[in-house]
Amino acid sequence: MTVLESLTVPIVQAPMAGGVSTPALAAAVSEAGGLGFLAAGYLTVEALRDQIRAVRRLTGRPFGVNLFVPGDPAADQEALARYRDRLEAEAALYGAELGKAMADDDGWAGKLAVVREARVPVVSFTFGCPSPATIANLKRFVSTVVVTVTSAAEARLATEAGADVLCVQGFEAGGHRGTFTNTARIDDLGLLPLLRRVCAVTGLPLIAAGGLARGRDVAAVLVAGAAAAQLGTVFVACPESGANPLYKAALTNPVFPGTAVTRAFSGRAARGLVNRFVLDHSEGAPVAYPHVHHMTKALRAAAARAGDAEAMSLWAGQGHVFAREIPAGELTRALAADARSALVEALRRHPG
């Protein structure tokens, strides 16, 4: 039995690194009957430990922690040098210095140790699949292991490695693509056809993610075979979210013409609002994560301090226009109620 079966509503709050996912946000969603998530990405090991403790002070319900699987540390140094030269004027504009383009494993071993010690109910992984030995060891301490997949091939690998649940991420999703490898090719398969392909190769429970914003979207993926729906962008606007107010306001600002997938901010494909930085630098950004992330981190922070959203990473899925400033618990309950209504309505229209 996975934790998904204990939920009273089939809603998962996506883990959003960089300060958006907070203990208050995760706890509010879990208290409403869904599954709230902390994002361990970019946190120190001690900060992650503190956030887990904070969630437990706020709720006794199950919650999850998401970890980044370390990737290939190699990168094209010449391409990184060219990109640094390109961004020097950008950094000077905000009075910032570009960071060192370096690789790291995001505290992988230490964070694994924390989630084991804390016996976190659900642990999920993005950017790859841990080894079968790592998953087997983790399952001695946690009840459910989730692996994010973006293709049927990745779903097979995660199933064989021992995952309990798969998070199926369609191309519509905001933030970083959860692909196992960081390559020049960007997969473009939408959520519904991806769900069909994954259902064909595994019998594991599935969490559907990608552009979902309303109860009808939740109903659609449940009918398509998912056990739950994962939403991120709509939770960014919640008061419990740690997102910068500029970021929250940008989600529904018509100044931004939509979303695009870019490597400009981090060196890894990610979907966000199209701002000046995306338009000016996507073409020159190398395939190099987390190298580019570290290079641009101070620049992005300086742009935020200057109140300029045009140089911030405004991660958002294709349903971003539906984001509203609603308390996370209220939003979770509304999504579930609207999904039930949509299912009933569909049966009423087609009773036979």
Protein backbone atom coordinates (compact mmCIF):
# COMPACT_ATOMS: atom_id res chain seq x y z
CA MET A 1 0.00 0.00 0.00
CA THR A 2 1.37 3.41 -0.99
CA VAL A 3 0.72 6.71 0.75
CA LEU A 4 -1.43 7.70 -2.23
CA GLU A 5 -4.10 5.30 -1.05
CA SER A 6 -4.35 7.13 2.28
CA LEU A 7 -5.14 10.50 0.71
CA THR A 8 -8.70 11.76 0.98
CA VAL A 9 -8.25 13.94 -2.12
CA PRO A 10 -6.13 12.99 -5.16
CA ILE A 11 -4.08 16.21 -5.12
CA VAL A 12 -0.28 16.41 -4.86
CA GLN A 13 1.46 19.75 -4.43
CA ALA A 14 4.54 19.72 -6.65
CA PRO A 15 7.90 20.20 -4.94
CA MET A 16 9.28 23.56 -6.12
CA ALA A 17 12.90 24.30 -5.26
CA GLY A 18 14.39 27.71 -4.68
CA GLY A 19 12.21 28.72 -1.75
CA VAL A 20 8.72 28.32 -3.24
CA SER A 21 7.88 25.11 -1.36
CA THR A 22 7.67 25.91 2.35
CA PRO A 23 6.70 23.86 5.39
CA ALA A 24 3.51 25.95 5.67
CA LEU A 25 2.56 25.17 2.06
CA ALA A 26 3.23 21.44 2.34
CA ALA A 27 1.40 21.17 5.67
CA ALA A 28 -1.65 23.08 4.40
CA VAL A 29 -2.06 20.74 1.42
CA SER A 30 -1.58 17.63 3.56
CA GLU A 31 -4.03 18.92 6.18
CA ALA A 32 -6.61 19.34 3.40
CA GLY A 33 -6.26 15.66 2.52
CA GLY A 34 -3.73 15.93 -0.30
CA LEU A 35 0.02 15.34 -0.31
CA GLY A 36 2.24 18.34 0.36
CA PHE A 37 5.89 18.30 -0.66
CA LEU A 38 9.11 19.94 0.46
CA ALA A 39 11.78 20.54 -2.18
CA ALA A 40 15.26 19.58 -0.96
CA GLY A 41 16.93 21.00 -4.08
CA TYR A 42 19.43 23.80 -3.30
CA LEU A 43 18.84 23.52 0.47
CA THR A 44 21.64 22.68 2.86
CA VAL A 45 21.33 19.38 4.70
CA GLU A 46 20.59 21.20 7.97
CA ALA A 47 17.97 23.42 6.33
CA LEU A 48 16.22 20.32 5.00
CA ARG A 49 16.24 18.78 8.47
CA ASP A 50 14.74 21.98 9.91
CA GLN A 51 11.99 22.08 7.26
CA ILE A 52 11.00 18.47 7.93
CA ARG A 53 10.71 19.27 11.64
CA ALA A 54 8.64 22.36 10.82
CA VAL A 55 6.17 20.37 8.73
CA ARG A 56 5.72 17.87 11.54
CA ARG A 57 4.94 20.68 13.96
CA LEU A 58 2.17 21.80 11.60
CA THR A 59 0.59 18.48 10.61
CA GLY A 60 0.46 14.83 11.48
CA ARG A 61 -0.58 13.94 7.93
CA PRO A 62 1.76 12.31 5.37
CA PHE A 63 4.01 14.61 3.34
CA GLY A 64 6.89 14.19 0.94
CA VAL A 65 10.42 15.38 0.24
CA ASN A 66 11.87 15.63 -3.26
CA LEU A 67 15.57 15.08 -3.99
CA PHE A 68 17.64 15.86 -7.11
CA VAL A 69 19.52 12.84 -8.46
CA PRO A 70 23.10 13.88 -9.31
CA GLY A 71 23.90 13.95 -13.01
CA ASP A 72 27.03 13.92 -15.15
CA PRO A 73 29.43 16.57 -13.76
CA ALA A 74 31.13 17.01 -17.15
CA ALA A 75 30.42 20.15 -19.19
CA ASP A 76 31.75 21.92 -22.25
CA GLN A 77 34.09 24.45 -20.68
CA GLU A 78 34.45 26.47 -23.87
CA ALA A 79 30.68 26.79 -24.18
CA LEU A 80 30.47 27.87 -20.55
CA ALA A 81 33.17 30.49 -21.10
CA ARG A 82 31.30 31.88 -24.10
CA TYR A 83 28.08 32.06 -22.08
CA ARG A 84 29.86 33.82 -19.23
CA ASP A 85 31.17 36.44 -21.67
CA ARG A 86 27.64 36.87 -22.99
CA LEU A 87 26.23 37.44 -19.49
CA GLU A 88 28.88 39.85 -18.17
CA ALA A 89 26.95 42.91 -19.35
CA GLU A 90 23.75 41.44 -17.91
CA ALA A 91 25.38 41.02 -14.50
CA ALA A 92 26.83 44.54 -14.62
CA LEU A 93 23.34 45.91 -15.28
CA TYR A 94 22.27 44.69 -11.83
CA GLY A 95 25.55 45.25 -10.04
CA ALA A 96 26.07 41.51 -9.62
CA GLU A 97 28.99 39.17 -10.16
CA LEU A 98 28.54 35.94 -12.05
CA GLY A 99 29.15 32.84 -9.96
CA LYS A 100 31.58 30.03 -10.61
CA ALA A 101 30.24 27.54 -13.14
CA MET A 102 30.71 24.36 -11.15
CA ALA A 103 29.21 20.94 -10.69
CA ASP A 104 27.97 19.53 -7.40
CA ASP A 105 25.73 16.70 -6.21
CA ASP A 106 23.38 18.95 -4.17
CA GLY A 107 24.34 17.21 -0.94
CA TRP A 108 23.02 13.87 -2.22
CA ALA A 109 24.40 11.55 0.47
CA GLY A 110 23.58 13.90 3.34
CA LYS A 111 20.01 14.48 2.18
CA LEU A 112 19.41 10.76 1.70
CA ALA A 113 20.60 10.28 5.26
CA VAL A 114 18.21 12.98 6.53
CA VAL A 115 15.10 11.50 4.89
CA ARG A 116 16.06 8.07 6.22
CA GLU A 117 16.67 9.33 9.74
CA ALA A 118 13.47 11.37 9.73
CA ARG A 119 11.48 8.50 8.20
CA VAL A 120 9.79 10.89 5.80
CA PRO A 121 6.59 9.19 4.55
CA VAL A 122 7.21 9.87 0.85
CA VAL A 123 10.51 10.53 -0.94
CA SER A 124 10.51 11.46 -4.60
CA PHE A 125 13.33 11.87 -7.09
CA THR A 126 13.85 14.16 -10.07
CA PHE A 127 16.59 14.28 -12.76
CA GLY A 128 17.17 10.55 -12.66
CA CYS A 129 16.47 7.23 -11.00
CA PRO A 130 18.49 6.08 -7.99
CA SER A 131 20.09 2.67 -8.12
CA PRO A 132 18.02 -0.37 -7.07
CA ALA A 133 20.28 -0.69 -4.01
CA THR A 134 19.64 2.92 -2.99
CA ILE A 135 15.87 2.51 -3.38
CA ALA A 136 15.85 -0.79 -1.49
CA ASN A 137 17.80 0.77 1.37
CA LEU A 138 15.50 3.79 1.46
CA LYS A 139 12.38 1.61 1.58
CA ARG A 140 13.52 0.25 4.93
CA PHE A 141 12.80 3.71 6.35
CA VAL A 142 10.09 5.32 4.19
CA SER A 143 6.74 4.00 3.03
CA THR A 144 6.67 5.26 -0.56
CA VAL A 145 9.36 6.02 -3.15
CA VAL A 146 8.36 8.08 -6.19
CA VAL A 147 10.45 8.58 -9.34
CA THR A 148 9.69 11.34 -11.87
CA VAL A 149 9.62 10.10 -15.47
CA THR A 150 9.13 11.81 -18.83
CA SER A 151 9.01 8.79 -21.16
CA ALA A 152 7.98 5.15 -21.29
CA ALA A 153 11.65 4.13 -21.32
CA GLU A 154 12.28 6.01 -18.08
CA ALA A 155 9.12 4.46 -16.60
CA ARG A 156 10.48 0.97 -17.33
CA LEU A 157 13.82 1.78 -15.69
CA ALA A 158 12.17 3.23 -12.59
CA THR A 159 9.82 0.26 -12.28
CA GLU A 160 12.71 -2.19 -12.54
CA ALA A 161 14.70 -0.19 -9.96
CA GLY A 162 11.95 -0.69 -7.37
CA ALA A 163 9.95 2.56 -7.36
CA ASP A 164 6.52 2.34 -5.69
CA VAL A 165 4.95 5.19 -7.68
CA LEU A 166 5.85 7.13 -10.82
CA CYS A 167 5.29 10.86 -11.29
CA VAL A 168 4.60 11.23 -15.02
CA GLN A 169 5.65 14.71 -16.13
CA GLY A 170 4.26 16.01 -19.41
CA PHE A 171 5.84 18.70 -21.55
CA GLU A 172 3.30 21.26 -20.28
CA ALA A 173 4.84 21.25 -16.78
CA GLY A 174 6.46 24.31 -15.29
CA GLY A 175 10.00 24.27 -13.94
CA HIS A 176 12.74 21.84 -14.83
CA ARG A 177 12.12 18.85 -17.02
CA GLY A 178 12.58 15.74 -14.92
CA THR A 179 14.44 13.79 -17.60
CA PHE A 180 17.04 11.25 -16.48
CA THR A 181 19.75 12.85 -18.65
CA ASN A 182 20.45 16.46 -19.57
CA THR A 183 20.75 16.44 -23.36
CA ALA A 184 20.39 18.94 -26.20
CA ARG A 185 17.16 17.30 -27.34
CA ILE A 186 14.06 18.51 -25.50
CA ASP A 187 11.24 15.96 -25.28
CA ASP A 188 7.87 17.39 -26.26
CA LEU A 189 5.32 14.72 -25.38
CA GLY A 190 2.15 16.08 -23.76
CA LEU A 191 0.77 14.64 -20.55
CA LEU A 192 -2.21 12.64 -21.86
CA PRO A 193 -0.32 10.71 -24.59
CA LEU A 194 2.55 10.23 -22.14
CA LEU A 195 0.19 8.73 -19.57
CA ARG A 196 -1.09 6.27 -22.18
CA ARG A 197 2.46 5.22 -23.07
CA VAL A 198 3.49 4.81 -19.45
CA CYS A 199 0.33 2.87 -18.56
CA ALA A 200 1.28 0.44 -21.33
CA VAL A 201 4.64 -0.46 -19.76
CA THR A 202 3.98 -0.45 -15.99
CA GLY A 203 1.26 -1.26 -13.51
CA LEU A 204 2.58 1.10 -10.84
CA PRO A 205 0.34 3.88 -9.51
CA LEU A 206 0.89 7.11 -11.42
CA ILE A 207 0.88 10.77 -10.40
CA ALA A 208 0.14 12.97 -13.42
CA ALA A 209 1.90 16.34 -13.74
CA GLY A 210 2.01 18.99 -16.42
CA GLY A 211 -0.07 22.12 -17.00
CA LEU A 212 -2.85 21.11 -14.59
CA ALA A 213 -4.66 24.04 -13.03
CA ARG A 214 -8.34 23.27 -12.44
CA GLY A 215 -10.56 20.50 -11.11
CA ARG A 216 -11.52 19.48 -14.64
CA ASP A 217 -7.82 18.89 -15.37
CA VAL A 218 -7.60 16.66 -12.31
CA ALA A 219 -10.67 14.71 -13.47
CA ALA A 220 -9.15 14.28 -16.93
CA VAL A 221 -5.94 12.66 -15.68
CA LEU A 222 -7.80 10.43 -13.23
CA VAL A 223 -9.88 9.12 -16.13
CA ALA A 224 -6.66 8.71 -18.14
CA GLY A 225 -5.26 6.30 -15.55
CA ALA A 226 -3.55 8.43 -12.91
CA ALA A 227 -4.05 7.81 -9.20
CA ALA A 228 -3.49 11.49 -8.38
CA ALA A 229 -2.78 14.83 -10.02
CA GLN A 230 0.28 16.94 -9.21
CA LEU A 231 -0.03 20.73 -9.51
CA GLY A 232 2.70 23.27 -8.97
CA THR A 233 2.17 26.64 -10.63
CA VAL A 234 -1.26 27.26 -9.10
CA PHE A 235 0.27 26.76 -5.64
CA VAL A 236 2.97 29.38 -6.35
CA ALA A 237 0.37 32.11 -5.89
CA CYS A 238 -0.83 30.81 -2.50
CA PRO A 239 -0.03 32.94 0.57
CA GLU A 240 1.89 29.99 2.09
CA SER A 241 4.23 29.88 -0.91
CA GLY A 242 7.70 31.35 -0.49
CA ALA A 243 7.74 32.79 -4.01
CA ASN A 244 8.85 36.37 -4.52
CA PRO A 245 5.83 38.72 -4.87
CA LEU A 246 7.12 39.75 -8.33
CA TYR A 247 7.01 36.09 -9.37
CA LYS A 248 3.47 35.64 -8.04
CA ALA A 249 2.23 38.74 -9.84
CA ALA A 250 3.90 37.72 -13.11
CA LEU A 251 1.85 34.53 -13.41
CA THR A 252 -1.24 36.45 -14.50
CA ASN A 253 0.46 39.55 -15.95
CA PRO A 254 -0.38 39.93 -19.66
CA VAL A 255 3.04 41.57 -20.19
CA PHE A 256 4.48 38.07 -20.32
CA PRO A 257 3.32 36.41 -23.57
CA GLY A 258 3.24 32.82 -22.34
CA THR A 259 5.79 30.15 -21.48
CA ALA A 260 8.77 28.55 -23.17
CA VAL A 261 11.34 25.88 -22.38
CA THR A 262 14.78 27.38 -21.83
CA ARG A 263 18.25 26.56 -20.49
CA ALA A 264 19.15 30.21 -20.05
CA PHE A 265 18.95 30.25 -16.24
CA SER A 266 20.27 26.84 -15.24
CA GLY A 267 21.73 24.91 -18.17
CA ARG A 268 18.89 22.41 -17.96
CA ALA A 269 15.60 22.55 -19.86
CA ALA A 270 12.89 24.25 -17.80
CA ARG A 271 9.57 25.90 -18.62
CA GLY A 272 8.97 29.43 -17.46
CA LEU A 273 7.33 32.71 -18.41
CA VAL A 274 8.87 34.34 -21.46
CA ASN A 275 10.70 37.44 -20.23
CA ARG A 276 13.59 39.46 -21.66
CA PHE A 277 16.25 37.12 -20.27
CA VAL A 278 14.62 34.09 -21.91
CA LEU A 279 14.37 35.90 -25.25
CA ASP A 280 17.92 37.25 -25.15
CA HIS A 281 19.84 34.25 -23.85
CA SER A 282 18.07 30.96 -24.59
CA GLU A 283 19.88 30.48 -27.88
CA GLY A 284 23.34 30.80 -26.37
CA ALA A 285 22.79 28.77 -23.19
CA PRO A 286 24.88 25.59 -23.00
CA VAL A 287 23.69 22.17 -21.86
CA ALA A 288 25.43 22.34 -18.48
CA TYR A 289 23.59 21.79 -15.19
CA PRO A 290 24.13 22.82 -12.41
CA HIS A 291 27.03 24.86 -13.83
CA VAL A 292 24.83 27.56 -15.39
CA HIS A 293 22.57 27.60 -12.32
CA HIS A 294 25.53 28.56 -10.15
CA MET A 295 26.73 31.07 -12.75
CA THR A 296 23.42 32.97 -12.87
CA LYS A 297 22.25 32.59 -9.27
CA ALA A 298 23.57 35.94 -7.99
CA LEU A 299 22.40 37.72 -11.15
CA ARG A 300 18.85 36.44 -10.70
CA ALA A 301 18.85 37.41 -7.03
CA ALA A 302 20.08 40.91 -7.91
CA ALA A 303 17.30 41.31 -10.49
CA ALA A 304 14.75 40.33 -7.82
CA ARG A 305 16.18 42.88 -5.39
CA ALA A 306 15.96 45.50 -8.13
CA GLY A 307 12.30 44.64 -8.68
CA ASP A 308 12.91 43.54 -12.27
CA ALA A 309 11.07 40.33 -13.21
CA GLU A 310 12.57 40.47 -16.70
CA ALA A 311 15.75 38.75 -15.48
CA MET A 312 14.22 36.36 -12.95
CA SER A 313 13.52 32.66 -13.51
CA LEU A 314 9.72 32.68 -13.46
CA TRP A 315 9.03 28.95 -13.66
CA ALA A 316 5.46 28.29 -14.77
CA GLY A 317 3.42 25.60 -16.48
CA GLN A 318 1.08 26.17 -19.39
CA GLY A 319 -1.88 26.65 -17.02
CA HIS A 320 -0.27 29.62 -15.25
CA VAL A 321 -3.04 32.09 -16.13
CA PHE A 322 -5.38 30.27 -13.72
CA ALA A 323 -3.20 30.93 -10.65
CA ARG A 324 -4.97 32.89 -7.90
CA GLU A 325 -3.97 33.98 -4.39
CA ILE A 326 -6.00 31.40 -2.49
CA PRO A 327 -4.95 29.64 0.75
CA ALA A 328 -3.41 26.29 -0.14
CA GLY A 329 -5.84 24.21 1.89
CA GLU A 330 -8.81 25.95 0.32
CA LEU A 331 -7.32 25.48 -3.14
CA THR A 332 -6.72 21.77 -2.51
CA ARG A 333 -10.30 21.19 -1.37
CA ALA A 334 -11.70 23.22 -4.28
CA LEU A 335 -9.67 21.27 -6.84
CA ALA A 336 -10.95 17.98 -5.44
CA ALA A 337 -14.57 19.15 -5.30
CA ASP A 338 -14.43 20.53 -8.85
CA ALA A 339 -12.89 17.29 -10.09
CA ARG A 340 -15.72 15.26 -8.57
CA SER A 341 -18.28 17.61 -10.10
CA ALA A 342 -16.63 17.31 -13.50
CA LEU A 343 -16.73 13.51 -13.35
CA VAL A 344 -20.41 13.51 -12.32
CA GLU A 345 -21.23 15.99 -15.07
CA ALA A 346 -19.48 13.87 -17.68
CA LEU A 347 -21.45 10.79 -16.62
CA ARG A 348 -24.65 12.77 -16.70
CA ARG A 349 -23.95 13.89 -20.28
CA HIS A 350 -23.08 10.34 -21.33
CA PRO A 351 -25.07 8.03 -19.02
CA GLY A 352 -25.13 4.96 -21.21
